[in-house]
Amino acid sequence: MSTLTLAARDSGTMLRRNLLHMRRYPSLTLMLVGIPVILLLLFVYVFGGTLGAGLGPTGDRADYANYVTPGILLITVASAAQGTAISVAMDMTEGIIARFRTMAIFRPSVLTAHVLGSLIQALLSLAAVTGVALLVGFRPNSTAIEWIAVIGVLAMITFAVTWLSVALGLVTKSVETASNLPMPLVLLPFLGSGFVPTDSMPTPVRWFADHQPFTPVMETLRGLFFGTGIGSNAIEAVAWCAAISVVCFFWARALYNRDPSA
């Protein structure tokens, strides 16, 4: 059996294991969808009237639903990262990884399955949250090609954040710590253009908001949803996602291959 065939077979087996785990424990997936939906409803129906008026002279709650949805989608991605870190940490602390290491399997298949499984889970969560957003007034005017680009952008940032969460799950010694480490990712849309324009922020906060990884992704999504200018945001989004993916891939691989007794 060739190395490629072995890698595909073992990665497929591990992916089925992860998907079965998601099906048997749906509470985690429900939590990943529930938190962004609650925030969406809170910001649209409680704060939407006031914050929508701040978007312009004719701004209202409907305008704010359009504005805030890209930020909510990024919170969905960050919430999924938390679930990934927990799953990886559970595998590392419950001894199953030590058992896999004694078996004749393609070693990277365990991490590959975690990334693919988490990517599938996150994309399903994003579809559910987008559906709720449409119900509460989100009204994009994207063409079919722009929707495909939206899916590509979301898959790209999800892939990057998933590798980061895999590394965070590997670097911790307990599941409890792994569940807390990705929490700052949930705050990034708030410290960016996710909920209010960065123009209204104090200068130091605005500088951070304009240059952190999630802001160009959210601005690219807004451009694709509503046909507004994207500028250099798409290039910055691709650069951030590529850099995070590459750095975290090598970080996770080094952590996974380290001596377990160290």
Protein backbone atom coordinates (compact mmCIF):
# COMPACT_ATOMS: atom_id res chain seq x y z
CA MET A 1 0.00 0.00 0.00
CA SER A 2 1.46 3.39 -1.00
CA THR A 3 1.99 6.17 1.54
CA LEU A 4 -0.71 8.28 -0.13
CA THR A 5 -3.23 5.43 0.01
CA LEU A 6 -2.37 4.75 3.65
CA ALA A 7 -2.76 8.45 4.51
CA ALA A 8 -6.15 8.68 2.77
CA ARG A 9 -7.44 5.46 4.38
CA ASP A 10 -6.37 6.32 7.93
CA SER A 11 -7.44 9.97 7.66
CA GLY A 12 -10.86 8.81 6.44
CA THR A 13 -11.15 6.39 9.37
CA MET A 14 -10.21 9.08 11.88
CA LEU A 15 -12.60 11.57 10.24
CA ARG A 16 -15.48 9.09 10.62
CA ARG A 17 -14.53 8.74 14.29
CA ASN A 18 -14.73 12.51 14.77
CA LEU A 19 -18.04 12.82 12.90
CA LEU A 20 -19.56 9.98 14.95
CA HIS A 21 -18.39 11.74 18.10
CA MET A 22 -20.16 14.94 16.96
CA ARG A 23 -23.36 13.00 16.23
CA ARG A 24 -23.36 11.25 19.59
CA TYR A 25 -22.69 14.47 21.51
CA PRO A 26 -24.82 17.10 19.74
CA SER A 27 -24.80 19.44 22.76
CA LEU A 28 -21.40 20.84 21.73
CA THR A 29 -22.61 21.65 18.21
CA LEU A 30 -25.78 23.23 19.62
CA MET A 31 -23.65 25.40 21.90
CA LEU A 32 -21.47 26.49 18.96
CA VAL A 33 -24.60 27.64 17.10
CA GLY A 34 -26.49 28.90 20.14
CA ILE A 35 -23.98 31.49 21.36
CA PRO A 36 -23.72 33.38 18.02
CA VAL A 37 -27.50 33.23 17.55
CA ILE A 38 -28.11 34.70 21.02
CA LEU A 39 -25.63 37.50 20.32
CA LEU A 40 -27.27 38.14 16.93
CA LEU A 41 -30.73 38.43 18.49
CA LEU A 42 -29.39 40.59 21.33
CA PHE A 43 -27.61 43.07 19.09
CA VAL A 44 -30.35 43.29 16.45
CA TYR A 45 -33.41 43.50 18.72
CA VAL A 46 -31.97 45.20 21.84
CA PHE A 47 -29.19 47.45 20.54
CA GLY A 48 -30.02 47.46 16.81
CA GLY A 49 -32.20 50.58 16.83
CA THR A 50 -29.60 52.78 18.55
CA LEU A 51 -26.53 51.30 16.86
CA GLY A 52 -28.26 51.35 13.46
CA ALA A 53 -28.88 55.10 13.82
CA GLY A 54 -25.12 55.52 14.26
CA LEU A 55 -24.45 54.04 10.81
CA GLY A 56 -25.85 57.10 9.02
CA PRO A 57 -28.75 59.60 8.92
CA THR A 58 -31.20 56.96 7.69
CA GLY A 59 -29.75 54.00 9.57
CA ASP A 60 -32.14 51.72 11.45
CA ARG A 61 -32.40 48.22 12.92
CA ALA A 62 -32.58 46.62 9.46
CA ASP A 63 -29.33 48.35 8.42
CA TYR A 64 -27.68 47.16 11.61
CA ALA A 65 -28.74 43.54 10.93
CA ASN A 66 -26.89 43.81 7.61
CA TYR A 67 -23.87 45.41 9.31
CA VAL A 68 -23.50 43.04 12.27
CA THR A 69 -23.95 39.69 10.48
CA PRO A 70 -20.31 39.38 9.24
CA GLY A 71 -19.14 39.94 12.83
CA ILE A 72 -21.55 37.27 14.10
CA LEU A 73 -20.24 34.84 11.47
CA LEU A 74 -16.68 35.39 12.74
CA ILE A 75 -17.87 34.75 16.31
CA THR A 76 -19.29 31.45 15.01
CA VAL A 77 -15.85 30.57 13.63
CA ALA A 78 -14.22 31.48 16.97
CA SER A 79 -16.78 29.42 18.92
CA ALA A 80 -16.06 26.40 16.72
CA ALA A 81 -12.35 26.84 17.50
CA GLN A 82 -13.16 26.46 21.19
CA GLY A 83 -14.86 23.13 20.50
CA THR A 84 -11.87 21.93 18.47
CA ALA A 85 -9.41 22.75 21.25
CA ILE A 86 -11.57 20.84 23.73
CA SER A 87 -11.78 17.76 21.47
CA VAL A 88 -8.02 17.69 20.85
CA ALA A 89 -7.26 18.13 24.56
CA MET A 90 -9.67 15.30 25.44
CA ASP A 91 -7.88 12.98 23.03
CA MET A 92 -4.48 13.92 24.49
CA THR A 93 -5.48 13.54 28.14
CA GLU A 94 -7.66 10.42 27.92
CA GLY A 95 -4.91 8.18 26.55
CA ILE A 96 -6.37 7.48 23.11
CA ILE A 97 -3.48 9.26 21.37
CA ALA A 98 -0.99 7.10 23.30
CA ARG A 99 -2.90 4.04 22.03
CA PHE A 100 -2.85 5.33 18.44
CA ARG A 101 0.92 5.81 18.66
CA THR A 102 1.37 2.08 19.29
CA MET A 103 -0.64 1.19 16.17
CA ALA A 104 0.55 0.98 12.57
CA ILE A 105 -1.39 4.00 11.32
CA PHE A 106 -0.43 7.14 9.42
CA ARG A 107 0.52 9.40 12.35
CA PRO A 108 -0.70 12.76 10.91
CA SER A 109 -4.14 11.24 10.23
CA VAL A 110 -5.29 12.09 13.79
CA LEU A 111 -4.66 15.82 13.37
CA THR A 112 -5.91 15.79 9.76
CA ALA A 113 -9.20 14.27 10.92
CA HIS A 114 -9.59 16.86 13.67
CA VAL A 115 -9.09 19.70 11.18
CA LEU A 116 -11.45 18.27 8.55
CA GLY A 117 -14.10 17.35 11.13
CA SER A 118 -13.96 20.78 12.73
CA LEU A 119 -14.12 22.44 9.31
CA ILE A 120 -17.29 20.51 8.47
CA GLN A 121 -18.82 21.31 11.87
CA ALA A 122 -17.97 25.02 11.57
CA LEU A 123 -19.38 25.32 8.03
CA LEU A 124 -22.64 23.66 9.13
CA SER A 125 -22.81 26.08 12.10
CA LEU A 126 -22.16 29.04 9.77
CA ALA A 127 -24.99 27.90 7.49
CA ALA A 128 -27.37 27.68 10.47
CA VAL A 129 -26.38 31.12 11.79
CA THR A 130 -26.73 32.64 8.31
CA GLY A 131 -30.23 31.17 8.11
CA VAL A 132 -31.20 32.80 11.41
CA ALA A 133 -29.68 36.10 10.24
CA LEU A 134 -31.87 35.98 7.13
CA LEU A 135 -34.91 35.46 9.36
CA VAL A 136 -34.13 38.55 11.49
CA GLY A 137 -33.62 40.91 8.56
CA PHE A 138 -30.21 40.24 6.98
CA ARG A 139 -30.71 41.06 3.29
CA PRO A 140 -27.55 40.62 1.15
CA ASN A 141 -27.68 41.34 -2.59
CA SER A 142 -24.85 38.97 -3.54
CA THR A 143 -24.71 37.18 -6.88
CA ALA A 144 -24.13 33.42 -7.04
CA ILE A 145 -20.41 33.98 -7.65
CA GLU A 146 -20.20 36.33 -4.66
CA TRP A 147 -21.90 33.72 -2.46
CA ILE A 148 -19.30 31.18 -3.58
CA ALA A 149 -16.60 33.72 -2.69
CA VAL A 150 -18.24 34.23 0.74
CA ILE A 151 -18.08 30.46 1.35
CA GLY A 152 -14.44 30.47 0.26
CA VAL A 153 -13.53 33.34 2.63
CA LEU A 154 -15.32 31.66 5.56
CA ALA A 155 -13.66 28.31 4.80
CA MET A 156 -10.28 30.05 4.61
CA ILE A 157 -10.53 31.78 8.01
CA THR A 158 -12.09 28.66 9.57
CA PHE A 159 -9.19 26.52 8.31
CA ALA A 160 -6.66 28.97 9.80
CA VAL A 161 -8.41 29.28 13.15
CA THR A 162 -8.89 25.50 13.32
CA TRP A 163 -5.14 24.87 13.05
CA LEU A 164 -4.63 27.47 15.79
CA SER A 165 -7.17 25.71 18.03
CA VAL A 166 -5.55 22.30 17.34
CA ALA A 167 -2.22 23.72 18.51
CA LEU A 168 -3.86 25.24 21.60
CA GLY A 169 -5.48 21.89 22.40
CA LEU A 170 -2.09 20.17 22.13
CA VAL A 171 -0.15 22.69 24.19
CA THR A 172 -2.41 22.43 27.26
CA LYS A 173 -2.30 19.81 30.01
CA SER A 174 -6.05 19.77 30.75
CA VAL A 175 -9.40 20.06 28.98
CA GLU A 176 -10.40 22.96 31.23
CA THR A 177 -7.43 25.05 30.12
CA ALA A 178 -8.02 24.12 26.49
CA SER A 179 -11.60 25.40 26.74
CA ASN A 180 -10.38 28.82 27.92
CA LEU A 181 -7.40 29.48 25.63
CA PRO A 182 -9.44 30.23 22.45
CA MET A 183 -11.73 32.69 24.31
CA PRO A 184 -9.80 35.82 23.12
CA LEU A 185 -10.78 34.86 19.55
CA VAL A 186 -14.45 35.48 20.45
CA LEU A 187 -13.54 39.05 21.49
CA LEU A 188 -11.72 39.93 18.25
CA PRO A 189 -14.91 40.83 16.30
CA PHE A 190 -15.80 43.26 19.13
CA LEU A 191 -12.29 44.78 18.95
CA GLY A 192 -12.64 45.19 15.19
CA SER A 193 -15.29 46.34 12.75
CA GLY A 194 -17.69 43.56 13.73
CA PHE A 195 -20.22 45.57 15.73
CA VAL A 196 -19.44 49.26 15.20
CA PRO A 197 -17.28 51.09 12.63
CA THR A 198 -13.69 51.51 13.79
CA ASP A 199 -13.93 55.29 13.07
CA SER A 200 -15.75 55.75 16.39
CA MET A 201 -12.97 54.17 18.49
CA PRO A 202 -10.14 55.92 20.39
CA THR A 203 -6.91 56.04 18.35
CA PRO A 204 -4.99 53.15 20.03
CA VAL A 205 -8.03 50.88 19.96
CA ARG A 206 -8.77 51.90 16.37
CA TRP A 207 -5.20 51.07 15.32
CA PHE A 208 -5.54 47.57 16.79
CA ALA A 209 -9.02 47.16 15.31
CA ASP A 210 -7.84 48.12 11.82
CA HIS A 211 -4.81 45.80 11.88
CA GLN A 212 -6.05 42.64 13.62
CA PRO A 213 -6.77 39.53 11.49
CA PHE A 214 -10.59 39.45 11.69
CA THR A 215 -11.24 43.01 10.45
CA PRO A 216 -10.13 42.50 6.80
CA VAL A 217 -12.12 39.25 6.73
CA MET A 218 -15.30 41.00 7.97
CA GLU A 219 -14.84 43.91 5.52
CA THR A 220 -14.33 41.45 2.66
CA LEU A 221 -17.56 39.67 3.60
CA ARG A 222 -19.44 43.01 3.71
CA GLY A 223 -18.13 43.87 0.26
CA LEU A 224 -19.26 40.51 -1.11
CA PHE A 225 -22.68 40.70 0.58
CA PHE A 226 -23.55 44.27 -0.43
CA GLY A 227 -21.31 45.18 -3.35
CA THR A 228 -19.40 47.83 -1.41
CA GLY A 229 -15.71 48.42 -2.05
CA ILE A 230 -13.35 45.76 -0.69
CA GLY A 231 -10.08 47.58 -1.38
CA SER A 232 -7.04 45.77 -0.05
CA ASN A 233 -9.06 43.87 2.57
CA ALA A 234 -9.27 40.67 0.50
CA ILE A 235 -5.48 40.57 0.06
CA GLU A 236 -4.95 41.24 3.78
CA ALA A 237 -7.46 38.52 4.67
CA VAL A 238 -5.71 35.95 2.49
CA ALA A 239 -2.31 36.95 3.91
CA TRP A 240 -3.50 36.66 7.52
CA CYS A 241 -5.19 33.29 6.92
CA ALA A 242 -2.15 31.88 5.10
CA ALA A 243 0.25 33.06 7.81
CA ILE A 244 -1.88 31.70 10.67
CA SER A 245 -2.41 28.37 8.87
CA VAL A 246 1.28 27.81 8.11
CA VAL A 247 2.61 28.89 11.53
CA CYS A 248 -0.01 26.93 13.47
CA PHE A 249 0.36 23.84 11.27
CA PHE A 250 4.08 23.58 12.05
CA TRP A 251 3.43 24.46 15.71
CA ALA A 252 0.78 21.72 16.04
CA ARG A 253 2.96 19.18 14.22
CA ALA A 254 5.91 19.89 16.56
CA LEU A 255 3.67 19.53 19.62
CA TYR A 256 2.13 16.29 18.35
CA ASN A 257 5.53 14.73 17.57
CA ARG A 258 7.20 15.70 20.85
CA ASP A 259 8.23 13.06 23.34
CA PRO A 260 5.10 12.29 25.47
CA SER A 261 7.29 11.88 28.57
CA ALA A 262 8.83 15.37 28.19
